[in-house]
PDB file of all heavy atoms in Angstrom:
ATOM      1  N   GLY A   1     112.962  92.072  96.193  1.00  0.00           N
ATOM      2  CA  GLY A   1     112.431  90.809  95.684  1.00  0.00           C
ATOM      3  C   GLY A   1     113.409  89.954  94.928  1.00  0.00           C
ATOM      4  O   GLY A   1     113.473  88.723  95.045  1.00  0.00           O
ATOM      5  N   ALA A   2     114.227  90.659  94.084  1.00  0.00           N
ATOM      6  CA  ALA A   2     115.259  89.939  93.271  1.00  0.00           C
ATOM      7  C   ALA A   2     116.312  89.227  94.203  1.00  0.00           C
ATOM      8  O   ALA A   2     116.690  88.085  93.923  1.00  0.00           O
ATOM      9  CB  ALA A   2     115.938  90.857  92.367  1.00  0.00           C
ATOM     10  N   ILE A   3     116.740  89.945  95.240  1.00  0.00           N
ATOM     11  CA  ILE A   3     117.694  89.381  96.187  1.00  0.00           C
ATOM     12  C   ILE A   3     117.064  88.217  96.966  1.00  0.00           C
ATOM     13  O   ILE A   3     117.698  87.218  97.068  1.00  0.00           O
ATOM     14  CB  ILE A   3     118.148  90.450  97.109  1.00  0.00           C
ATOM     15  CG1 ILE A   3     118.957  91.645  96.462  1.00  0.00           C
ATOM     16  CG2 ILE A   3     118.955  89.839  98.347  1.00  0.00           C
ATOM     17  CD1 ILE A   3     119.272  92.804  97.337  1.00  0.00           C
ATOM     18  N   THR A   4     115.822  88.341  97.306  1.00  0.00           N
ATOM     19  CA  THR A   4     115.130  87.207  98.049  1.00  0.00           C
ATOM     20  C   THR A   4     114.968  86.064  97.146  1.00  0.00           C
ATOM     21  O   THR A   4     115.300  84.914  97.535  1.00  0.00           O
ATOM     22  CB  THR A   4     113.700  87.657  98.472  1.00  0.00           C
ATOM     23  OG1 THR A   4     113.875  88.968  99.277  1.00  0.00           O
ATOM     24  CG2 THR A   4     112.982  86.645  99.287  1.00  0.00           C
ATOM     25  N   TRP A   5     114.617  86.189  95.882  1.00  0.00           N
ATOM     26  CA  TRP A   5     114.454  85.121  95.001  1.00  0.00           C
ATOM     27  C   TRP A   5     115.855  84.412  94.623  1.00  0.00           C
ATOM     28  O   TRP A   5     115.904  83.270  94.472  1.00  0.00           O
ATOM     29  CB  TRP A   5     113.698  85.520  93.750  1.00  0.00           C
ATOM     30  CG  TRP A   5     112.202  85.584  93.897  1.00  0.00           C
ATOM     31  CD1 TRP A   5     111.410  86.644  93.782  1.00  0.00           C
ATOM     32  CD2 TRP A   5     111.351  84.475  94.178  1.00  0.00           C
ATOM     33  NE1 TRP A   5     110.076  86.279  93.912  1.00  0.00           N
ATOM     34  CE2 TRP A   5     110.020  85.006  94.188  1.00  0.00           C
ATOM     35  CE3 TRP A   5     111.575  83.117  94.287  1.00  0.00           C
ATOM     36  CZ2 TRP A   5     108.937  84.178  94.442  1.00  0.00           C
ATOM     37  CZ3 TRP A   5     110.396  82.315  94.524  1.00  0.00           C
ATOM     38  CH2 TRP A   5     109.107  82.822  94.592  1.00  0.00           C
ATOM     39  N   THR A   6     116.843  85.325  94.441  1.00  0.00           N
ATOM     40  CA  THR A   6     118.206  84.751  94.163  1.00  0.00           C
ATOM     41  C   THR A   6     118.691  83.954  95.296  1.00  0.00           C
ATOM     42  O   THR A   6     119.243  82.792  95.193  1.00  0.00           O
ATOM     43  CB  THR A   6     119.195  86.011  93.962  1.00  0.00           C
ATOM     44  OG1 THR A   6     118.659  86.647  92.757  1.00  0.00           O
ATOM     45  CG2 THR A   6     120.530  85.371  93.661  1.00  0.00           C
ATOM     46  N   ARG A   7     118.524  84.317  96.546  1.00  0.00           N
ATOM     47  CA  ARG A   7     118.826  83.567  97.665  1.00  0.00           C
ATOM     48  C   ARG A   7     118.095  82.248  97.802  1.00  0.00           C
ATOM     49  O   ARG A   7     118.678  81.217  98.147  1.00  0.00           O
ATOM     50  CB  ARG A   7     118.749  84.412  98.982  1.00  0.00           C
ATOM     51  CG  ARG A   7     119.722  85.500  99.106  1.00  0.00           C
ATOM     52  CD  ARG A   7     119.389  86.313 100.405  1.00  0.00           C
ATOM     53  NE  ARG A   7     120.443  87.340 100.599  1.00  0.00           N
ATOM     54  CZ  ARG A   7     120.352  88.255 101.673  1.00  0.00           C
ATOM     55  NH1 ARG A   7     119.315  88.270 102.427  1.00  0.00           N
ATOM     56  NH2 ARG A   7     121.299  89.139 101.773  1.00  0.00           N
ATOM     57  N   PHE A   8     116.832  82.377  97.558  1.00  0.00           N
ATOM     58  CA  PHE A   8     115.986  81.145  97.543  1.00  0.00           C
ATOM     59  C   PHE A   8     116.542  80.106  96.461  1.00  0.00           C
ATOM     60  O   PHE A   8     116.574  78.958  96.801  1.00  0.00           O
ATOM     61  CB  PHE A   8     114.525  81.584  97.240  1.00  0.00           C
ATOM     62  CG  PHE A   8     113.617  80.384  97.154  1.00  0.00           C
ATOM     63  CD1 PHE A   8     113.312  79.607  98.248  1.00  0.00           C
ATOM     64  CD2 PHE A   8     113.020  79.994  95.891  1.00  0.00           C
ATOM     65  CE1 PHE A   8     112.342  78.612  98.197  1.00  0.00           C
ATOM     66  CE2 PHE A   8     112.131  78.980  95.869  1.00  0.00           C
ATOM     67  CZ  PHE A   8     111.800  78.231  96.947  1.00  0.00           C
ATOM     68  N   PHE A   9     116.878  80.571  95.327  1.00  0.00           N
ATOM     69  CA  PHE A   9     117.378  79.747  94.260  1.00  0.00           C
ATOM     70  C   PHE A   9     118.733  79.036  94.702  1.00  0.00           C
ATOM     71  O   PHE A   9     118.897  77.877  94.624  1.00  0.00           O
ATOM     72  CB  PHE A   9     117.554  80.493  92.955  1.00  0.00           C
ATOM     73  CG  PHE A   9     118.431  79.818  91.943  1.00  0.00           C
ATOM     74  CD1 PHE A   9     117.976  78.641  91.233  1.00  0.00           C
ATOM     75  CD2 PHE A   9     119.698  80.275  91.541  1.00  0.00           C
ATOM     76  CE1 PHE A   9     118.756  78.044  90.293  1.00  0.00           C
ATOM     77  CE2 PHE A   9     120.487  79.679  90.686  1.00  0.00           C
ATOM     78  CZ  PHE A   9     120.029  78.521  89.962  1.00  0.00           C
ATOM     79  N   ARG A  10     119.591  79.860  95.123  1.00  0.00           N
ATOM     80  CA  ARG A  10     120.859  79.387  95.626  1.00  0.00           C
ATOM     81  C   ARG A  10     120.767  78.363  96.781  1.00  0.00           C
ATOM     82  O   ARG A  10     121.545  77.309  96.771  1.00  0.00           O
ATOM     83  CB  ARG A  10     121.780  80.494  95.967  1.00  0.00           C
ATOM     84  CG  ARG A  10     122.246  81.377  94.748  1.00  0.00           C
ATOM     85  CD  ARG A  10     123.144  82.465  95.184  1.00  0.00           C
ATOM     86  NE  ARG A  10     123.665  83.290  94.026  1.00  0.00           N
ATOM     87  CZ  ARG A  10     124.433  84.248  94.120  1.00  0.00           C
ATOM     88  NH1 ARG A  10     124.803  84.780  95.256  1.00  0.00           N
ATOM     89  NH2 ARG A  10     124.798  84.960  93.021  1.00  0.00           N
ATOM     90  N   LYS A  11     119.915  78.646  97.688  1.00  0.00           N
ATOM     91  CA  LYS A  11     119.817  77.802  98.841  1.00  0.00           C
ATOM     92  C   LYS A  11     118.950  76.560  98.636  1.00  0.00           C
ATOM     93  O   LYS A  11     119.283  75.420  99.095  1.00  0.00           O
ATOM     94  CB  LYS A  11     119.127  78.593 100.041  1.00  0.00           C
ATOM     95  CG  LYS A  11     119.040  77.912 101.321  1.00  0.00           C
ATOM     96  CD  LYS A  11     118.469  78.726 102.382  1.00  0.00           C
ATOM     97  CE  LYS A  11     118.366  78.020 103.746  1.00  0.00           C
ATOM     98  NZ  LYS A  11     117.808  78.763 104.852  1.00  0.00           N
ATOM     99  N   GLU A  12     117.848  76.658  97.928  1.00  0.00           N
ATOM    100  CA  GLU A  12     116.934  75.512  97.707  1.00  0.00           C
ATOM    101  C   GLU A  12     116.964  74.819  96.490  1.00  0.00           C
ATOM    102  O   GLU A  12     116.635  73.646  96.287  1.00  0.00           O
ATOM    103  CB  GLU A  12     115.557  76.144  97.955  1.00  0.00           C
ATOM    104  CG  GLU A  12     115.271  76.828  99.250  1.00  0.00           C
ATOM    105  CD  GLU A  12     115.274  75.845 100.453  1.00  0.00           C
ATOM    106  OE1 GLU A  12     115.131  74.642 100.181  1.00  0.00           O
ATOM    107  OE2 GLU A  12     115.452  76.409 101.648  1.00  0.00           O
ATOM    108  N   HIS A  13     117.336  75.547  95.348  1.00  0.00           N
ATOM    109  CA  HIS A  13     117.146  74.919  94.037  1.00  0.00           C
ATOM    110  C   HIS A  13     118.425  74.983  93.065  1.00  0.00           C
ATOM    111  O   HIS A  13     118.195  74.886  91.898  1.00  0.00           O
ATOM    112  CB  HIS A  13     115.988  75.609  93.306  1.00  0.00           C
ATOM    113  CG  HIS A  13     114.648  75.413  94.016  1.00  0.00           C
ATOM    114  ND1 HIS A  13     113.934  74.230  93.922  1.00  0.00           N
ATOM    115  CD2 HIS A  13     113.963  76.304  94.811  1.00  0.00           C
ATOM    116  CE1 HIS A  13     112.818  74.312  94.619  1.00  0.00           C
ATOM    117  NE2 HIS A  13     112.814  75.600  95.188  1.00  0.00           N
ATOM    118  N   ARG A  14     119.537  75.188  93.720  1.00  0.00           N
ATOM    119  CA  ARG A  14     120.733  75.179  92.796  1.00  0.00           C
ATOM    120  C   ARG A  14     120.915  73.999  91.986  1.00  0.00           C
ATOM    121  O   ARG A  14     121.393  74.150  90.798  1.00  0.00           O
ATOM    122  CB  ARG A  14     121.967  75.479  93.735  1.00  0.00           C
ATOM    123  CG  ARG A  14     123.306  75.526  92.937  1.00  0.00           C
ATOM    124  CD  ARG A  14     124.469  75.784  93.836  1.00  0.00           C
ATOM    125  NE  ARG A  14     124.517  76.961  94.527  1.00  0.00           N
ATOM    126  CZ  ARG A  14     125.092  78.088  94.009  1.00  0.00           C
ATOM    127  NH1 ARG A  14     125.672  78.017  92.794  1.00  0.00           N
ATOM    128  NH2 ARG A  14     125.075  79.224  94.624  1.00  0.00           N
ATOM    129  N   ASN A  15     120.636  72.915  92.539  1.00  0.00           N
ATOM    130  CA  ASN A  15     120.801  71.595  91.830  1.00  0.00           C
ATOM    131  C   ASN A  15     119.467  70.918  91.324  1.00  0.00           C
ATOM    132  O   ASN A  15     119.494  69.827  91.015  1.00  0.00           O
ATOM    133  CB  ASN A  15     121.512  70.614  92.738  1.00  0.00           C
ATOM    134  CG  ASN A  15     122.979  71.104  93.048  1.00  0.00           C
ATOM    135  OD1 ASN A  15     123.701  71.600  92.292  1.00  0.00           O
ATOM    136  ND2 ASN A  15     123.241  70.962  94.404  1.00  0.00           N
ATOM    137  N   ASP A  16     118.450  71.780  91.419  1.00  0.00           N
ATOM    138  CA  ASP A  16     117.120  71.274  90.964  1.00  0.00           C
ATOM    139  C   ASP A  16     117.017  71.421  89.428  1.00  0.00           C
ATOM    140  O   ASP A  16     117.151  72.571  88.945  1.00  0.00           O
ATOM    141  CB  ASP A  16     116.028  72.167  91.709  1.00  0.00           C
ATOM    142  CG  ASP A  16     114.621  71.558  91.415  1.00  0.00           C
ATOM    143  OD1 ASP A  16     114.461  70.825  90.485  1.00  0.00           O
ATOM    144  OD2 ASP A  16     113.630  71.962  92.184  1.00  0.00           O
ATOM    145  N   ARG A  17     116.727  70.455  88.702  1.00  0.00           N
ATOM    146  CA  ARG A  17     116.677  70.455  87.264  1.00  0.00           C
ATOM    147  C   ARG A  17     115.493  71.392  86.871  1.00  0.00           C
ATOM    148  O   ARG A  17     115.663  72.013  85.731  1.00  0.00           O
ATOM    149  CB  ARG A  17     116.429  69.114  86.652  1.00  0.00           C
ATOM    150  CG  ARG A  17     117.743  68.160  86.663  1.00  0.00           C
ATOM    151  CD  ARG A  17     118.715  68.741  85.695  1.00  0.00           C
ATOM    152  NE  ARG A  17     118.180  68.929  84.430  1.00  0.00           N
ATOM    153  CZ  ARG A  17     118.733  69.798  83.534  1.00  0.00           C
ATOM    154  NH1 ARG A  17     119.901  70.378  83.802  1.00  0.00           N
ATOM    155  NH2 ARG A  17     118.226  69.858  82.218  1.00  0.00           N
ATOM    156  N   GLN A  18     114.388  71.449  87.593  1.00  0.00           N
ATOM    157  CA  GLN A  18     113.279  72.324  87.182  1.00  0.00           C
ATOM    158  C   GLN A  18     113.704  73.803  87.216  1.00  0.00           C
ATOM    159  O   GLN A  18     112.994  74.645  86.603  1.00  0.00           O
ATOM    160  CB  GLN A  18     112.093  72.113  88.059  1.00  0.00           C
ATOM    161  CG  GLN A  18     111.432  70.705  87.811  1.00  0.00           C
ATOM    162  CD  GLN A  18     110.158  70.597  88.601  1.00  0.00           C
ATOM    163  OE1 GLN A  18     109.678  71.519  89.240  1.00  0.00           O
ATOM    164  NE2 GLN A  18     109.601  69.429  88.603  1.00  0.00           N
ATOM    165  N   TRP A  19     114.786  74.159  87.964  1.00  0.00           N
ATOM    166  CA  TRP A  19     115.231  75.517  88.086  1.00  0.00           C
ATOM    167  C   TRP A  19     116.536  75.756  87.218  1.00  0.00           C
ATOM    168  O   TRP A  19     117.134  76.799  87.259  1.00  0.00           O
ATOM    169  CB  TRP A  19     115.480  75.905  89.443  1.00  0.00           C
ATOM    170  CG  TRP A  19     114.240  76.233  90.370  1.00  0.00           C
ATOM    171  CD1 TRP A  19     113.318  75.300  90.547  1.00  0.00           C
ATOM    172  CD2 TRP A  19     113.743  77.451  90.771  1.00  0.00           C
ATOM    173  NE1 TRP A  19     112.275  75.943  91.259  1.00  0.00           N
ATOM    174  CE2 TRP A  19     112.589  77.252  91.459  1.00  0.00           C
ATOM    175  CE3 TRP A  19     114.430  78.765  90.784  1.00  0.00           C
ATOM    176  CZ2 TRP A  19     111.846  78.236  92.019  1.00  0.00           C
ATOM    177  CZ3 TRP A  19     113.707  79.761  91.349  1.00  0.00           C
ATOM    178  CH2 TRP A  19     112.457  79.564  91.960  1.00  0.00           C
ATOM    179  N   ALA A  20     116.929  74.735  86.515  1.00  0.00           N
ATOM    180  CA  ALA A  20     118.253  74.909  85.777  1.00  0.00           C
ATOM    181  C   ALA A  20     118.311  75.996  84.715  1.00  0.00           C
ATOM    182  O   ALA A  20     119.278  76.500  84.330  1.00  0.00           O
ATOM    183  CB  ALA A  20     118.549  73.535  85.055  1.00  0.00           C
ATOM    184  N   ALA A  21     117.104  76.349  84.232  1.00  0.00           N
ATOM    185  CA  ALA A  21     116.952  77.311  83.158  1.00  0.00           C
ATOM    186  C   ALA A  21     117.085  78.802  83.661  1.00  0.00           C
ATOM    187  O   ALA A  21     117.150  79.709  82.858  1.00  0.00           O
ATOM    188  CB  ALA A  21     115.653  77.169  82.354  1.00  0.00           C
ATOM    189  N   LEU A  22     117.037  78.963  84.874  1.00  0.00           N
ATOM    190  CA  LEU A  22     117.029  80.368  85.504  1.00  0.00           C
ATOM    191  C   LEU A  22     118.190  81.261  85.006  1.00  0.00           C
ATOM    192  O   LEU A  22     118.022  82.283  84.341  1.00  0.00           O
ATOM    193  CB  LEU A  22     117.000  80.342  86.996  1.00  0.00           C
ATOM    194  CG  LEU A  22     116.789  81.827  87.632  1.00  0.00           C
ATOM    195  CD1 LEU A  22     115.908  81.623  88.841  1.00  0.00           C
ATOM    196  CD2 LEU A  22     118.088  82.332  88.044  1.00  0.00           C
ATOM    197  N   PRO A  23     119.484  80.796  85.067  1.00  0.00           N
ATOM    198  CA  PRO A  23     120.478  81.644  84.616  1.00  0.00           C
ATOM    199  C   PRO A  23     120.438  81.920  83.077  1.00  0.00           C
ATOM    200  O   PRO A  23     120.642  83.036  82.621  1.00  0.00           O
ATOM    201  CB  PRO A  23     121.828  80.761  84.915  1.00  0.00           C
ATOM    202  CG  PRO A  23     121.431  79.956  86.060  1.00  0.00           C
ATOM    203  CD  PRO A  23     119.956  79.582  85.749  1.00  0.00           C
ATOM    204  N   SER A  24     120.187  80.974  82.327  1.00  0.00           N
ATOM    205  CA  SER A  24     120.142  80.965  80.931  1.00  0.00           C
ATOM    206  C   SER A  24     118.985  81.945  80.468  1.00  0.00           C
ATOM    207  O   SER A  24     119.160  82.833  79.628  1.00  0.00           O
ATOM    208  CB  SER A  24     119.871  79.594  80.199  1.00  0.00           C
ATOM    209  OG  SER A  24     120.914  78.743  80.481  1.00  0.00           O
ATOM    210  N   ALA A  25     117.799  81.860  81.169  1.00  0.00           N
ATOM    211  CA  ALA A  25     116.673  82.753  80.844  1.00  0.00           C
ATOM    212  C   ALA A  25     117.068  84.162  81.030  1.00  0.00           C
ATOM    213  O   ALA A  25     116.719  85.090  80.340  1.00  0.00           O
ATOM    214  CB  ALA A  25     115.471  82.294  81.600  1.00  0.00           C
ATOM    215  N   LEU A  26     117.810  84.418  82.162  1.00  0.00           N
ATOM    216  CA  LEU A  26     118.192  85.731  82.450  1.00  0.00           C
ATOM    217  C   LEU A  26     119.223  86.284  81.468  1.00  0.00           C
ATOM    218  O   LEU A  26     119.160  87.459  80.988  1.00  0.00           O
ATOM    219  CB  LEU A  26     118.735  85.870  83.905  1.00  0.00           C
ATOM    220  CG  LEU A  26     117.722  85.681  85.003  1.00  0.00           C
ATOM    221  CD1 LEU A  26     118.457  85.566  86.381  1.00  0.00           C
ATOM    222  CD2 LEU A  26     116.769  86.829  85.036  1.00  0.00           C
ATOM    223  N   ILE A  27     120.168  85.489  81.118  1.00  0.00           N
ATOM    224  CA  ILE A  27     121.208  85.881  80.179  1.00  0.00           C
ATOM    225  C   ILE A  27     120.570  86.233  78.794  1.00  0.00           C
ATOM    226  O   ILE A  27     121.006  87.223  78.119  1.00  0.00           O
ATOM    227  CB  ILE A  27     122.210  84.739  79.991  1.00  0.00           C
ATOM    228  CG1 ILE A  27     123.072  84.588  81.218  1.00  0.00           C
ATOM    229  CG2 ILE A  27     123.154  85.011  78.816  1.00  0.00           C
ATOM    230  CD1 ILE A  27     123.982  83.428  81.267  1.00  0.00           C
ATOM    231  N   LEU A  28     119.534  85.563  78.409  1.00  0.00           N
ATOM    232  CA  LEU A  28     118.843  85.751  77.169  1.00  0.00           C
ATOM    233  C   LEU A  28     117.950  86.953  77.145  1.00  0.00           C
ATOM    234  O   LEU A  28     117.583  87.563  76.178  1.00  0.00           O
ATOM    235  CB  LEU A  28     118.005  84.472  76.715  1.00  0.00           C
ATOM    236  CG  LEU A  28     118.922  83.279  76.335  1.00  0.00           C
ATOM    237  CD1 LEU A  28     118.038  82.036  76.153  1.00  0.00           C
ATOM    238  CD2 LEU A  28     119.611  83.632  74.936  1.00  0.00           C
ATOM    239  N   SER A  29     117.413  87.312  78.307  1.00  0.00           N
ATOM    240  CA  SER A  29     116.352  88.416  78.422  1.00  0.00           C
ATOM    241  C   SER A  29     116.853  89.652  79.028  1.00  0.00           C
ATOM    242  O   SER A  29     116.438  90.760  78.527  1.00  0.00           O
ATOM    243  CB  SER A  29     115.140  87.892  79.175  1.00  0.00           C
ATOM    244  OG  SER A  29     115.507  87.501  80.547  1.00  0.00           O
ATOM    245  N   VAL A  30     117.803  89.670  79.883  1.00  0.00           N
ATOM    246  CA  VAL A  30     118.199  90.952  80.502  1.00  0.00           C
ATOM    247  C   VAL A  30     118.907  91.864  79.576  1.00  0.00           C
ATOM    248  O   VAL A  30     118.476  93.089  79.406  1.00  0.00           O
ATOM    249  CB  VAL A  30     119.090  90.646  81.747  1.00  0.00           C
ATOM    250  CG1 VAL A  30     119.753  91.963  82.272  1.00  0.00           C
ATOM    251  CG2 VAL A  30     118.282  89.976  82.889  1.00  0.00           C
ATOM    252  N   PRO A  31     119.973  91.447  78.835  1.00  0.00           N
ATOM    253  CA  PRO A  31     120.630  92.450  78.021  1.00  0.00           C
ATOM    254  C   PRO A  31     119.689  93.044  76.926  1.00  0.00           C
ATOM    255  O   PRO A  31     119.698  94.216  76.708  1.00  0.00           O
ATOM    256  CB  PRO A  31     121.781  91.589  77.384  1.00  0.00           C
ATOM    257  CG  PRO A  31     122.066  90.548  78.351  1.00  0.00           C
ATOM    258  CD  PRO A  31     120.756  90.158  78.912  1.00  0.00           C
ATOM    259  N   PRO A  32     118.844  92.181  76.245  1.00  0.00           N
ATOM    260  CA  PRO A  32     117.901  92.820  75.276  1.00  0.00           C
ATOM    261  C   PRO A  32     116.901  93.769  75.977  1.00  0.00           C
ATOM    262  O   PRO A  32     116.551  94.810  75.329  1.00  0.00           O
ATOM    263  CB  PRO A  32     117.175  91.564  74.726  1.00  0.00           C
ATOM    264  CG  PRO A  32     118.070  90.422  74.899  1.00  0.00           C
ATOM    265  CD  PRO A  32     118.787  90.737  76.250  1.00  0.00           C
ATOM    266  N   ALA A  33     116.452  93.441  77.229  1.00  0.00           N
ATOM    267  CA  ALA A  33     115.571  94.362  77.863  1.00  0.00           C
ATOM    268  C   ALA A  33     116.152  95.683  78.170  1.00  0.00           C
ATOM    269  O   ALA A  33     115.577  96.720  78.061  1.00  0.00           O
ATOM    270  CB  ALA A  33     115.154  93.670  79.190  1.00  0.00           C
ATOM    271  N   ILE A  34     117.433  95.707  78.577  1.00  0.00           N
ATOM    272  CA  ILE A  34     118.129  96.881  78.782  1.00  0.00           C
ATOM    273  C   ILE A  34     118.437  97.669  77.479  1.00  0.00           C
ATOM    274  O   ILE A  34     118.218  98.894  77.394  1.00  0.00           O
ATOM    275  CB  ILE A  34     119.512  96.690  79.487  1.00  0.00           C
ATOM    276  CG1 ILE A  34     119.207  96.083  80.892  1.00  0.00           C
ATOM    277  CG2 ILE A  34     120.416  97.933  79.566  1.00  0.00           C
ATOM    278  CD1 ILE A  34     120.549  95.677  81.667  1.00  0.00           C
TER     279      ILE A  34
END
Protein backbone atom coordinates (compact mmCIF):
# COMPACT_ATOMS: atom_id res chain seq x y z
CA GLY A 1 0.00 0.00 0.00
CA ALA A 2 2.78 2.43 0.86
CA ILE A 3 4.49 1.85 -2.50
CA THR A 4 1.17 2.28 -4.31
CA TRP A 5 0.36 5.54 -2.50
CA THR A 6 3.90 6.88 -2.99
CA ARG A 7 3.70 6.27 -6.73
CA PHE A 8 0.27 7.91 -6.82
CA PHE A 9 1.68 10.97 -5.05
CA ARG A 10 4.68 11.27 -7.35
CA LYS A 11 2.65 10.74 -10.51
CA GLU A 12 -0.53 12.67 -9.75
CA HIS A 13 0.09 15.13 -6.91
CA ARG A 14 3.77 16.07 -6.75
CA ASN A 15 2.90 19.70 -7.53
CA ASP A 16 -0.53 19.70 -5.87
CA ARG A 17 -0.66 22.18 -2.97
CA GLN A 18 -3.22 20.03 -1.14
CA TRP A 19 -0.60 17.25 -1.02
CA ALA A 20 2.37 19.45 -0.20
CA ALA A 21 2.30 18.45 3.48
CA LEU A 22 2.90 14.73 2.83
CA PRO A 23 6.74 14.73 3.13
CA SER A 24 6.68 17.02 6.18
CA ALA A 25 3.99 14.97 7.93
CA LEU A 26 6.05 11.83 7.45
CA ILE A 27 9.26 13.46 8.65
CA LEU A 28 7.49 14.65 11.79
CA SER A 29 5.72 11.37 12.58
CA VAL A 30 7.87 8.45 11.36
CA PRO A 31 11.01 8.88 13.55
CA PRO A 32 8.96 9.41 16.77
CA ALA A 33 6.79 6.39 15.90
CA ILE A 34 9.88 4.21 15.51
